[in-house]
Protein backbone atom coordinates (compact mmCIF):
# COMPACT_ATOMS: atom_id res chain seq x y z
CA MET A 1 1.33 -5.28 41.80
CA THR A 2 -1.41 -3.43 39.91
CA SER A 3 -2.97 -0.09 40.80
CA GLU A 4 -5.92 -2.02 42.29
CA GLN A 5 -3.80 -3.66 44.98
CA ALA A 6 -3.02 -1.85 48.18
CA ALA A 7 0.05 -2.67 50.23
CA PRO A 8 -0.31 -4.87 53.31
CA SER A 9 -1.81 -2.90 56.18
CA ILE A 10 0.78 -0.95 58.16
CA SER A 11 -0.08 0.44 61.58
CA SER A 12 1.16 4.00 61.23
CA SER A 13 -0.25 7.48 60.99
CA ALA A 14 2.87 9.37 59.85
CA TYR A 15 3.29 10.31 56.18
CA ALA A 16 5.35 12.89 54.33
CA VAL A 17 6.63 14.18 51.02
CA PHE A 18 10.37 14.74 50.55
CA GLY A 19 11.67 17.23 48.02
CA ASN A 20 13.86 20.25 47.40
CA PRO A 21 12.33 22.78 47.04
CA ILE A 22 9.12 21.81 48.82
CA LYS A 23 7.75 25.02 50.34
CA HIS A 24 4.78 25.36 47.98
CA SER A 25 3.75 21.70 47.97
CA LYS A 26 -0.01 21.12 47.98
CA SER A 27 0.39 17.52 49.15
CA PRO A 28 -0.25 18.19 52.88
CA ALA A 29 -3.56 19.94 52.07
CA ILE A 30 -4.57 17.18 49.65
CA HIS A 31 -3.87 14.35 52.09
CA SER A 32 -5.52 16.24 54.92
CA ALA A 33 -8.66 16.44 52.79
CA PHE A 34 -8.44 12.72 52.05
CA SER A 35 -8.06 11.81 55.71
CA GLU A 36 -11.13 13.87 56.62
CA GLN A 37 -13.21 11.80 54.22
CA PHE A 38 -12.43 8.66 56.21
CA ASP A 39 -12.00 10.21 59.67
CA ASP A 40 -8.41 8.95 59.57
CA ASP A 41 -6.12 10.43 62.19
CA ILE A 42 -2.90 10.96 60.23
CA THR A 43 -0.13 13.51 59.92
CA TYR A 44 1.36 14.46 56.57
CA ARG A 45 4.31 16.85 56.31
CA ALA A 46 6.22 18.47 53.47
CA VAL A 47 9.92 18.09 54.28
CA ARG A 48 12.76 19.87 52.54
CA VAL A 49 15.66 17.43 52.28
CA GLU A 50 19.20 18.43 51.41
CA VAL A 51 20.49 16.74 48.29
CA ASP A 52 23.20 14.75 50.08
CA ASP A 53 20.86 13.58 52.87
CA PHE A 54 18.05 11.90 50.94
CA GLU A 55 18.85 8.21 51.52
CA LEU A 56 19.60 8.78 55.20
CA LYS A 57 16.38 10.74 55.73
CA VAL A 58 14.31 8.03 54.02
CA SER A 59 15.89 5.34 56.18
CA ARG A 60 15.26 7.27 59.39
CA PHE A 61 11.68 8.07 58.37
CA PHE A 62 10.77 4.42 58.03
CA GLN A 63 12.85 3.31 61.04
CA ARG A 64 10.71 5.68 63.11
CA GLY A 65 7.52 4.06 61.87
CA GLY A 66 6.59 6.14 58.85
CA GLY A 67 3.58 4.70 57.06
CA GLY A 68 4.35 6.01 53.59
CA LEU A 69 6.44 8.54 51.74
CA ASN A 70 5.91 10.63 48.62
CA VAL A 71 8.96 11.82 46.74
CA THR A 72 9.23 14.75 44.38
CA LEU A 73 12.05 16.52 42.54
CA PRO A 74 14.96 15.98 42.53
CA PHE A 75 14.77 12.60 44.26
CA LYS A 76 12.46 10.35 42.22
CA GLU A 77 15.23 8.38 40.52
CA ARG A 78 17.10 7.92 43.78
CA ALA A 79 13.92 6.75 45.51
CA PHE A 80 13.58 4.01 42.91
CA ILE A 81 17.20 2.93 43.31
CA LEU A 82 17.11 2.67 47.10
CA SER A 83 13.94 0.54 47.19
CA ASP A 84 14.02 -3.21 47.79
CA GLU A 85 11.35 -3.98 45.21
CA ALA A 86 9.37 -2.02 42.63
CA THR A 87 6.11 -2.19 40.70
CA ASP A 88 6.14 -2.55 36.93
CA ARG A 89 5.20 1.08 36.41
CA ALA A 90 8.01 2.29 38.66
CA THR A 91 10.45 0.00 36.88
CA ARG A 92 9.36 1.35 33.49
CA ALA A 93 9.66 4.91 34.76
CA ARG A 94 12.98 4.17 36.49
CA ALA A 95 11.67 6.57 39.13
CA ALA A 96 9.38 6.47 42.15
CA ASN A 97 7.18 9.10 43.72
CA CYS A 98 5.67 6.74 46.30
CA LEU A 99 7.48 4.54 48.81
CA ILE A 100 5.57 1.88 50.73
CA PRO A 101 6.92 0.10 53.83
CA LEU A 102 6.25 -3.63 53.95
CA PRO A 103 5.82 -5.78 57.07
CA ASP A 104 9.25 -7.39 56.69
CA GLY A 105 10.95 -3.99 56.83
CA SER A 106 11.60 -3.68 53.11
CA ILE A 107 10.46 -0.79 50.92
CA ARG A 108 8.39 -1.01 47.75
CA ALA A 109 8.71 1.70 45.11
CA ASP A 110 5.80 2.77 42.97
CA ASN A 111 5.12 5.55 40.49
CA THR A 112 1.60 6.97 40.63
CA ASP A 113 2.10 9.90 38.23
CA GLY A 114 0.95 8.11 35.08
CA ILE A 115 -2.12 6.46 36.57
CA GLY A 116 -2.98 9.80 38.18
CA MET A 117 -2.88 11.53 34.80
CA VAL A 118 -4.90 8.80 33.09
CA ARG A 119 -7.57 8.83 35.79
CA ASP A 120 -7.87 12.60 35.53
CA MET A 121 -8.31 12.38 31.77
CA VAL A 122 -10.75 9.46 31.76
CA ALA A 123 -12.72 9.71 35.01
CA ASN A 124 -12.71 13.47 35.62
CA LEU A 125 -12.53 14.96 32.13
CA GLY A 126 -14.38 12.23 30.25
CA TRP A 127 -11.73 11.82 27.55
CA GLN A 128 -11.34 8.62 25.59
CA LEU A 129 -7.76 7.39 25.20
CA SER A 130 -8.27 4.09 23.43
CA SER A 131 -7.90 4.11 19.64
CA ARG A 132 -6.37 7.58 19.78
CA ARG A 133 -3.08 8.78 18.31
CA VAL A 134 -1.13 10.29 21.19
CA LEU A 135 1.70 12.83 21.09
CA LEU A 136 3.97 13.31 24.09
CA LEU A 137 6.06 16.49 24.03
CA GLY A 138 9.39 16.04 25.82
CA ALA A 139 11.55 13.05 26.69
CA GLY A 140 12.49 13.64 30.32
CA GLY A 141 11.50 11.93 33.52
CA ALA A 142 7.97 13.35 33.54
CA VAL A 143 7.25 11.81 30.14
CA ARG A 144 8.90 8.49 30.96
CA GLY A 145 6.79 8.25 34.12
CA VAL A 146 3.45 8.35 32.29
CA MET A 147 4.19 6.20 29.24
CA GLN A 148 3.34 2.77 30.66
CA PRO A 149 -0.10 3.79 32.05
CA LEU A 150 -0.88 5.55 28.76
CA LEU A 151 -0.03 2.43 26.78
CA MET A 152 -2.32 0.41 29.05
CA GLU A 153 -5.22 2.49 27.67
CA ASN A 154 -4.64 1.04 24.18
CA PRO A 155 -4.04 4.08 21.98
CA THR A 156 -3.33 3.35 18.34
CA GLU A 157 0.15 4.87 18.58
CA LEU A 158 2.32 6.83 21.00
CA VAL A 159 4.70 9.40 19.52
CA VAL A 160 7.40 10.99 21.70
CA ALA A 161 8.74 14.24 20.20
CA ASN A 162 11.66 16.15 21.68
CA ARG A 163 14.02 18.94 20.63
CA THR A 164 16.81 16.38 20.73
CA ALA A 165 15.53 13.58 18.52
CA GLN A 166 18.07 11.04 19.81
CA LYS A 167 16.72 11.33 23.34
CA ALA A 168 13.16 10.71 22.17
CA GLU A 169 14.27 7.79 20.01
CA ALA A 170 16.16 6.23 22.92
CA LEU A 171 13.16 6.57 25.21
CA ALA A 172 10.81 5.06 22.61
CA SER A 173 13.15 2.10 22.15
CA GLU A 174 12.70 1.18 25.82
CA PHE A 175 9.03 0.50 25.08
CA ALA A 176 9.60 -1.45 21.86
CA ASP A 177 8.33 -4.62 23.56
CA GLN A 178 4.82 -3.17 23.96
CA LYS A 179 1.97 -4.16 21.65
CA ILE A 180 1.23 -0.46 20.98
CA PRO A 181 3.66 1.18 18.51
CA VAL A 182 5.92 3.77 20.19
CA GLN A 183 7.87 6.18 18.02
CA GLY A 184 10.52 8.73 19.01
CA CYS A 185 11.40 11.73 16.85
CA GLY A 186 12.43 15.38 16.76
CA LEU A 187 9.94 18.21 17.00
CA ASP A 188 10.36 19.10 13.34
CA ASP A 189 9.38 15.55 12.38
CA ILE A 190 5.78 16.04 13.56
CA ASN A 191 5.09 18.89 11.13
CA GLY A 192 1.95 18.09 9.15
CA GLN A 193 0.97 15.08 11.29
CA SER A 194 -2.38 14.76 13.09
CA PHE A 195 -2.93 13.79 16.73
CA ASP A 196 -5.98 13.11 18.89
CA LEU A 197 -4.27 13.72 22.23
CA ILE A 198 -1.32 16.03 22.86
CA ILE A 199 0.36 15.94 26.26
CA ASN A 200 2.95 18.49 27.28
CA GLY A 201 5.70 17.13 29.50
CA THR A 202 8.18 19.96 28.92
CA SER A 203 9.04 23.10 30.87
CA ALA A 204 6.75 25.08 28.55
CA GLY A 205 4.11 24.51 31.20
CA LEU A 206 6.07 26.56 33.71
CA THR A 207 5.29 29.85 31.97
CA THR A 208 2.07 31.58 30.98
CA GLU A 209 3.67 32.99 27.81
CA LEU A 210 2.36 31.59 24.52
CA VAL A 211 4.74 28.86 23.37
CA SER A 212 5.92 28.10 19.84
CA LEU A 213 5.41 24.54 18.58
CA PRO A 214 5.69 22.83 15.20
CA ASP A 215 2.82 23.09 12.76
CA PHE A 216 1.04 19.79 13.37
CA ASN A 217 -2.68 19.17 13.01
CA LEU A 218 -5.43 18.70 15.57
CA THR A 219 -8.55 16.75 14.72
CA GLU A 220 -12.13 17.64 15.68
CA ARG A 221 -11.80 15.35 18.68
CA SER A 222 -8.30 16.46 19.79
CA CYS A 223 -7.61 17.01 23.49
CA CYS A 224 -4.60 18.90 24.88
CA TYR A 225 -3.23 18.26 28.36
CA ASP A 226 -0.46 20.05 30.25
CA MET A 227 1.13 18.02 33.03
CA MET A 228 1.94 21.33 34.76
CA TYR A 229 -0.65 23.59 36.39
CA SER A 230 -0.98 27.17 37.56
CA ALA A 231 -3.61 29.74 38.52
CA GLU A 232 -3.48 31.13 34.98
CA PRO A 233 -3.52 29.10 31.74
CA THR A 234 -0.03 27.81 30.98
CA GLY A 235 1.84 28.72 27.82
CA PHE A 236 1.04 25.34 26.34
CA MET A 237 -2.65 25.75 27.17
CA ARG A 238 -2.65 29.14 25.45
CA TRP A 239 -1.10 27.56 22.37
CA ALA A 240 -3.67 24.75 22.49
CA ALA A 241 -6.60 27.15 22.81
CA SER A 242 -5.40 29.01 19.71
CA LYS A 243 -5.78 25.76 17.76
CA THR A 244 -9.41 25.32 18.97
CA PRO A 245 -9.23 21.66 20.02
CA TRP A 246 -12.17 19.83 21.55
CA ALA A 247 -10.80 20.20 25.10
CA VAL A 248 -7.83 21.67 27.02
CA SER A 249 -6.76 20.98 30.61
CA ASP A 250 -3.84 21.49 32.96
CA GLY A 251 -2.44 18.92 35.38
CA LEU A 252 -4.06 19.92 38.67
CA GLY A 253 -6.30 16.87 38.53
CA MET A 254 -3.24 14.71 37.88
CA LEU A 255 -1.67 16.05 41.08
CA VAL A 256 -4.71 15.08 43.14
CA GLU A 257 -5.22 11.72 41.45
CA GLN A 258 -1.61 10.61 41.92
CA ALA A 259 -1.96 11.54 45.59
CA ALA A 260 -5.18 9.51 45.83
CA GLU A 261 -3.38 6.49 44.40
CA SER A 262 -0.66 6.88 47.05
CA TYR A 263 -3.30 7.10 49.78
CA PHE A 264 -4.86 3.90 48.49
CA LEU A 265 -1.52 2.09 48.38
CA TRP A 266 -0.74 3.12 51.95
CA ARG A 267 -4.13 2.77 53.62
CA GLY A 268 -6.30 0.65 51.30
CA LYS A 269 -8.89 3.41 50.87
CA ARG A 270 -9.62 5.31 47.65
CA PRO A 271 -10.54 8.97 48.26
CA ASP A 272 -13.13 10.98 46.39
CA THR A 273 -11.02 13.40 44.35
CA LEU A 274 -13.43 15.75 42.55
CA LYS A 275 -14.23 17.91 45.56
CA VAL A 276 -10.53 18.19 46.40
CA ILE A 277 -9.70 19.28 42.84
CA GLN A 278 -12.51 21.86 42.92
CA SER A 279 -11.35 23.19 46.28
CA LEU A 280 -7.75 23.59 45.11
CA ARG A 281 -8.89 25.25 41.90
CA HIS A 282 -10.96 27.73 43.93
CA GLN A 283 -8.05 28.48 46.27
CA MET A 284 -5.78 29.15 43.29
CA SER A 285 -8.23 31.61 41.80
CA ILE A 286 -8.54 33.90 44.84
């Protein structure tokens, strides 16, 4: 199933996101804004699930008629495992952030993180990804989840750099069957190299302190993207700004776009995202 195919229509108005912690989730506000665009009468809740209860809670949610479920940390890998079938992008990610009930009672797993990030970059920010040399910082689940959609944009090369080189190399090897070259290496190995797009998928985005990164080069067209977001520029964004690239962004648009993809998969309707992103950005600034 591609990102342009919605799931078969399910007659339900109950949706939720499961995670732990979940208190500060913006998903209910985002999906409420989406539903208003279509006059859809839905409910969407953020539910804190105890670690040992995840599979049981998912089963009960769908047994009671749930129309769709988002999944966040620490349950994305378990959501993929418990599903009956999975899209290619979820299979590549080995994780799911979106569960879709099918008419026969089975559950389809999907991962909308990568396509959400790509749409934010291309549609909202106006960045070109094709024929670009891309650097992904980190080799964890966040990075794995966006690699397949990035490769679909036809960059010239995708380089995964991580503090532990073996982890980056192992991740890159899983995408060796792709037509786009994928390389894994340690952070020190990117010294002196040049990149057109740098994406931070590490915890450096969780702080506003200026981060320290290897001395690699940015070109006059380089763009820097942090998958994290906050009211203030993240540490990675501060580092990027000091290198004067063409453009710098955080991942707030990614958050909204991945939610919009979920909404489409559940209800067959694609929301307008720009106003929602602008509204969230305004709320974060006051």
